[in-house]
Amino acid sequence: MKDNVTDCFCADELTATLSALQQERPESVIYQTSLMSALLSGVYEGSTTIGDLLKKGDFGLGTFNHLDGELIAFDREVYQLRADGSANKARHDQRTPFAVITFFNPQYQHRFSQPASRDEVHQVINQQISSDNQFCALRLEGHFLQVDTRTVPCQHRPYKPMMQAVEEQPTFHFNQRNGVLIGFRSPRYMQGINVAGYHEHFITDDRQGGGHVLDYQLQQGTLTFGEISKLVIDLPDDEDFLKANLNPTDLDDAIRSVES
């Protein structure tokens, strides 16, 4: 009888320990509001606030209502990177038409002591997480020889499709700068729902500039990353979304055009 009581106590203690660990490290889930294909079609207004996003994660990217700049989130801070080159902390009442966020729980780390291109950084991830069927969240922090970014300017009704909106986008070139780059690698089957492949945003160490990443060359830094196998999508129910063409014939080409 005594052994049974001891076994029961040990089992209860183990359950309590596992529960505490899960609370300290939330389950790795990607939360997404709306679809990339909706953004392409000009659905630039959403009801999800930055405060809402921070309940779902502390790490992610996206944009703001009216396509007013790039969104980057990490360490529970959210920044708005605008087309005038500025970067500011986002207010919790600001809204987003498209965002992807998670609680960042990296399982892997790699230190770069020599210069590495964007492709070489991605190769490190691809070698460790070889299946294209999983999502991956990544953070790269260090000194960059160069980072090339773009930021789409604020749009106004009647909204033009994103392929036309990006024709006006300014590009920025950051040379010899410290900063943080965060992003996701999404499976190929997610094209249109999300952005298949790598989607990354960058912000400088002084939090004064950044944008959607076009290319970069790292001098030295630390890469942390991990796989994620669960996705939750919150679909809008407003008129713009319900009437949008979410499956155009040129969807893949359109996404590649606006993202690269």
Protein backbone atom coordinates (compact mmCIF):
# COMPACT_ATOMS: atom_id res chain seq x y z
CA MET A 1 0.00 0.00 0.00
CA LYS A 2 2.85 2.32 0.89
CA ASP A 3 4.50 1.77 -2.50
CA ASN A 4 1.25 2.63 -4.28
CA VAL A 5 0.99 5.88 -2.34
CA THR A 6 4.60 6.70 -3.24
CA ASP A 7 4.00 5.90 -6.92
CA CYS A 8 0.90 8.07 -6.95
CA PHE A 9 2.76 10.96 -5.34
CA CYS A 10 5.60 10.66 -7.87
CA ALA A 11 3.16 10.61 -10.79
CA ASP A 12 1.34 13.67 -9.44
CA GLU A 13 4.65 15.47 -8.94
CA LEU A 14 5.76 14.64 -12.52
CA THR A 15 2.44 15.87 -13.94
CA ALA A 16 2.77 19.13 -12.01
CA THR A 17 6.36 19.58 -13.23
CA LEU A 18 5.40 18.99 -16.88
CA SER A 19 2.48 21.40 -16.54
CA ALA A 20 4.78 24.08 -15.11
CA LEU A 21 7.26 23.60 -17.96
CA GLN A 22 4.51 23.91 -20.56
CA GLN A 23 3.37 27.17 -18.99
CA GLU A 24 6.94 28.50 -19.08
CA ARG A 25 7.36 27.44 -22.74
CA PRO A 26 4.02 27.76 -24.57
CA GLU A 27 3.24 25.29 -27.34
CA SER A 28 4.80 26.31 -30.65
CA VAL A 29 1.87 27.51 -32.73
CA ILE A 30 1.82 29.97 -35.61
CA TYR A 31 -1.15 32.32 -35.46
CA GLN A 32 -2.05 34.04 -38.72
CA THR A 33 -4.64 36.67 -39.45
CA SER A 34 -6.09 36.65 -43.00
CA LEU A 35 -4.36 35.28 -46.12
CA MET A 36 -1.52 36.42 -48.34
CA SER A 37 -3.81 36.07 -51.36
CA ALA A 38 -6.21 38.54 -49.74
CA LEU A 39 -3.41 41.06 -49.31
CA LEU A 40 -2.48 40.61 -52.97
CA SER A 41 -6.08 41.36 -53.91
CA GLY A 42 -6.15 44.65 -52.03
CA VAL A 43 -7.72 43.61 -48.72
CA TYR A 44 -5.74 46.15 -46.72
CA GLU A 45 -7.96 46.64 -43.68
CA GLY A 46 -8.33 44.22 -40.80
CA SER A 47 -9.86 44.23 -37.33
CA THR A 48 -7.01 42.48 -35.47
CA THR A 49 -5.17 44.89 -33.18
CA ILE A 50 -1.52 44.76 -32.15
CA GLY A 51 -2.76 44.08 -28.64
CA ASP A 52 -4.66 41.05 -30.00
CA LEU A 53 -1.52 39.81 -31.74
CA LEU A 54 0.56 39.97 -28.57
CA LYS A 55 -1.89 37.59 -26.91
CA LYS A 56 -1.04 35.05 -29.62
CA GLY A 57 2.76 35.44 -29.70
CA ASP A 58 5.83 37.57 -29.11
CA PHE A 59 7.59 37.11 -32.46
CA GLY A 60 6.41 37.68 -36.02
CA LEU A 61 5.89 39.86 -39.04
CA GLY A 62 3.20 41.35 -41.24
CA THR A 63 1.89 44.77 -42.21
CA PHE A 64 -0.49 47.46 -40.94
CA ASN A 65 -3.89 48.64 -42.11
CA HIS A 66 -3.77 50.51 -45.43
CA LEU A 67 -0.51 48.64 -46.10
CA ASP A 68 1.17 51.35 -44.04
CA GLY A 69 4.61 49.87 -43.53
CA GLU A 70 6.15 46.59 -42.43
CA LEU A 71 5.52 44.93 -39.07
CA ILE A 72 8.28 43.23 -37.09
CA ALA A 73 7.79 41.74 -33.63
CA PHE A 74 10.27 40.17 -31.22
CA ASP A 75 10.90 40.23 -27.45
CA ARG A 76 7.24 41.27 -27.05
CA GLU A 77 7.89 44.54 -28.89
CA VAL A 78 6.17 45.42 -32.17
CA TYR A 79 7.64 48.00 -34.56
CA GLN A 80 6.22 49.76 -37.61
CA LEU A 81 8.75 50.27 -40.40
CA ARG A 82 7.36 52.90 -42.75
CA ALA A 83 8.07 53.94 -46.34
CA ASP A 84 9.64 57.25 -45.19
CA GLY A 85 12.46 55.22 -43.62
CA SER A 86 11.28 55.65 -40.03
CA ALA A 87 10.76 52.97 -37.40
CA ASN A 88 8.57 53.35 -34.34
CA LYS A 89 7.00 51.16 -31.69
CA ALA A 90 3.47 50.26 -32.73
CA ARG A 91 0.53 51.22 -30.56
CA HIS A 92 -1.62 48.40 -29.20
CA ASP A 93 -4.72 49.89 -30.85
CA GLN A 94 -3.23 49.85 -34.36
CA ARG A 95 -4.68 47.20 -36.67
CA THR A 96 -3.32 44.74 -39.19
CA PRO A 97 -4.82 43.12 -42.33
CA PHE A 98 -2.17 40.37 -42.37
CA ALA A 99 0.26 39.13 -39.74
CA VAL A 100 2.00 35.92 -38.69
CA ILE A 101 3.08 35.53 -35.06
CA THR A 102 4.23 32.87 -32.60
CA PHE A 103 5.86 32.42 -29.22
CA PHE A 104 9.47 31.91 -30.29
CA ASN A 105 10.86 28.62 -28.92
CA PRO A 106 14.04 27.88 -30.91
CA GLN A 107 15.54 24.40 -30.73
CA TYR A 108 18.74 25.11 -32.66
CA GLN A 109 21.55 27.64 -32.61
CA HIS A 110 24.37 28.34 -35.05
CA ARG A 111 27.16 30.86 -34.65
CA PHE A 112 28.55 32.53 -37.78
CA SER A 113 32.11 33.76 -37.24
CA GLN A 114 32.74 34.32 -40.96
CA PRO A 115 30.70 36.22 -43.58
CA ALA A 116 27.65 34.38 -44.90
CA SER A 117 25.15 35.15 -47.63
CA ARG A 118 21.40 34.83 -47.25
CA ASP A 119 21.48 31.52 -49.12
CA GLU A 120 24.23 30.21 -46.85
CA VAL A 121 22.21 31.10 -43.75
CA HIS A 122 19.19 29.34 -45.22
CA GLN A 123 21.30 26.28 -46.00
CA VAL A 124 22.10 25.88 -42.30
CA ILE A 125 18.40 25.81 -41.53
CA ASN A 126 17.51 23.53 -44.45
CA GLN A 127 20.15 21.00 -43.44
CA GLN A 128 18.80 20.81 -39.89
CA ILE A 129 15.09 20.97 -40.80
CA SER A 130 15.13 19.08 -44.09
CA SER A 131 11.39 18.52 -44.51
CA ASP A 132 9.62 21.19 -46.52
CA ASN A 133 6.37 20.17 -44.83
CA GLN A 134 7.18 21.98 -41.57
CA PHE A 135 7.20 25.66 -40.71
CA CYS A 136 10.32 27.22 -39.28
CA ALA A 137 10.77 30.41 -37.27
CA LEU A 138 14.19 32.06 -37.31
CA ARG A 139 16.06 34.94 -35.72
CA LEU A 140 19.43 36.21 -36.92
CA GLU A 141 21.18 38.82 -34.79
CA GLY A 142 24.61 40.30 -35.43
CA HIS A 143 26.64 42.57 -37.68
CA PHE A 144 25.54 42.78 -41.30
CA LEU A 145 27.78 43.90 -44.15
CA GLN A 146 24.62 44.89 -45.99
CA VAL A 147 20.85 44.48 -45.80
CA ASP A 148 18.60 45.49 -48.69
CA THR A 149 14.97 46.16 -47.76
CA ARG A 150 11.79 47.63 -49.17
CA THR A 151 8.68 49.13 -47.58
CA VAL A 152 5.33 49.59 -49.32
CA PRO A 153 3.83 53.09 -48.90
CA CYS A 154 0.45 53.70 -47.27
CA GLN A 155 -2.50 53.05 -49.62
CA HIS A 156 -5.87 54.77 -49.93
CA ARG A 157 -9.25 53.70 -51.30
CA PRO A 158 -10.01 52.64 -53.93
CA TYR A 159 -7.22 50.17 -53.19
CA LYS A 160 -5.06 48.94 -56.03
CA PRO A 161 -3.78 45.33 -56.07
CA MET A 162 -0.52 44.80 -54.23
CA MET A 163 1.42 44.16 -57.44
CA GLN A 164 0.65 47.76 -58.42
CA ALA A 165 1.22 49.13 -54.93
CA VAL A 166 4.77 47.77 -54.76
CA GLU A 167 5.71 49.64 -57.92
CA GLU A 168 5.92 52.77 -55.73
CA GLN A 169 7.88 51.17 -52.91
CA PRO A 170 11.17 52.74 -51.80
CA THR A 171 14.18 50.51 -51.13
CA PHE A 172 16.75 50.98 -48.39
CA HIS A 173 20.34 49.79 -48.12
CA PHE A 174 21.89 49.32 -44.69
CA ASN A 175 25.67 48.91 -44.74
CA GLN A 176 27.88 47.82 -41.84
CA ARG A 177 25.01 47.76 -39.36
CA ASN A 178 24.11 45.71 -36.33
CA GLY A 179 20.54 44.54 -36.24
CA VAL A 180 17.93 41.84 -35.85
CA LEU A 181 16.41 39.85 -38.70
CA ILE A 182 13.41 37.64 -38.01
CA GLY A 183 11.35 35.47 -40.30
CA PHE A 184 9.58 32.28 -41.22
CA ARG A 185 10.13 29.48 -43.68
CA SER A 186 6.76 28.22 -44.88
CA PRO A 187 6.06 25.02 -46.87
CA ARG A 188 5.44 25.21 -50.60
CA TYR A 189 1.87 24.01 -50.13
CA MET A 190 1.19 27.25 -48.21
CA GLN A 191 1.65 29.53 -51.23
CA GLY A 192 -1.28 31.94 -51.26
CA ILE A 193 -2.27 31.17 -47.70
CA ASN A 194 1.13 32.46 -46.59
CA VAL A 195 4.38 33.11 -48.46
CA ALA A 196 6.04 29.84 -49.47
CA GLY A 197 9.74 29.76 -48.67
CA TYR A 198 11.52 32.40 -46.62
CA HIS A 199 9.86 35.66 -45.56
CA GLU A 200 12.05 37.95 -43.44
CA HIS A 201 11.99 41.45 -41.93
CA PHE A 202 14.92 43.45 -40.51
CA ILE A 203 15.38 46.26 -37.99
CA THR A 204 18.58 48.07 -37.01
CA ASP A 205 20.02 47.81 -33.51
CA ASP A 206 19.01 51.41 -32.74
CA ARG A 207 15.45 50.55 -33.89
CA GLN A 208 15.47 53.44 -36.35
CA GLY A 209 15.11 51.67 -39.70
CA GLY A 210 14.48 48.41 -41.51
CA GLY A 211 11.91 46.74 -43.72
CA HIS A 212 10.99 43.66 -45.74
CA VAL A 213 14.22 41.85 -46.59
CA LEU A 214 15.25 41.52 -50.23
CA ASP A 215 18.80 40.32 -49.60
CA TYR A 216 21.57 40.47 -47.00
CA GLN A 217 25.18 39.61 -46.29
CA LEU A 218 26.01 38.73 -42.70
CA GLN A 219 29.50 39.43 -41.34
CA GLN A 220 29.07 37.60 -38.05
CA GLY A 221 26.20 36.77 -35.75
CA THR A 222 24.00 34.16 -34.11
CA LEU A 223 21.16 32.26 -35.76
CA THR A 224 18.46 30.64 -33.64
CA PHE A 225 15.61 28.68 -35.19
CA GLY A 226 13.10 25.90 -34.71
CA GLU A 227 10.37 23.96 -36.44
CA ILE A 228 6.65 24.53 -35.88
CA SER A 229 3.96 22.05 -36.87
CA LYS A 230 0.76 23.81 -35.85
CA LEU A 231 -1.01 26.68 -37.64
CA VAL A 232 -4.10 28.64 -36.64
CA ILE A 233 -5.67 31.04 -39.17
CA ASP A 234 -8.23 33.70 -38.31
CA LEU A 235 -10.20 34.60 -41.46
CA PRO A 236 -11.89 38.01 -41.82
CA ASP A 237 -15.63 38.22 -42.48
CA ASP A 238 -15.82 41.76 -43.85
CA GLU A 239 -17.11 42.65 -47.33
CA ASP A 240 -13.66 43.30 -48.81
CA PHE A 241 -12.47 39.79 -47.91
CA LEU A 242 -15.68 38.02 -48.88
CA LYS A 243 -15.67 39.59 -52.36
CA ALA A 244 -11.93 39.23 -53.02
CA ASN A 245 -10.55 36.85 -55.63
CA LEU A 246 -8.38 34.67 -53.43
CA ASN A 247 -7.29 32.20 -56.11
CA PRO A 248 -6.13 34.12 -59.19
CA THR A 249 -4.50 32.17 -62.01
CA ASP A 250 -1.18 34.01 -61.56
CA LEU A 251 -1.04 33.63 -57.75
CA ASP A 252 2.43 32.10 -57.52
CA ASP A 253 4.00 34.63 -59.91
CA ALA A 254 2.26 37.49 -58.12
CA ILE A 255 3.62 36.49 -54.72
CA ARG A 256 7.11 36.01 -56.07
CA SER A 257 6.90 39.44 -57.69
CA VAL A 258 5.87 41.34 -54.55
CA GLU A 259 8.16 39.45 -52.18
CA SER A 260 11.42 39.57 -54.13
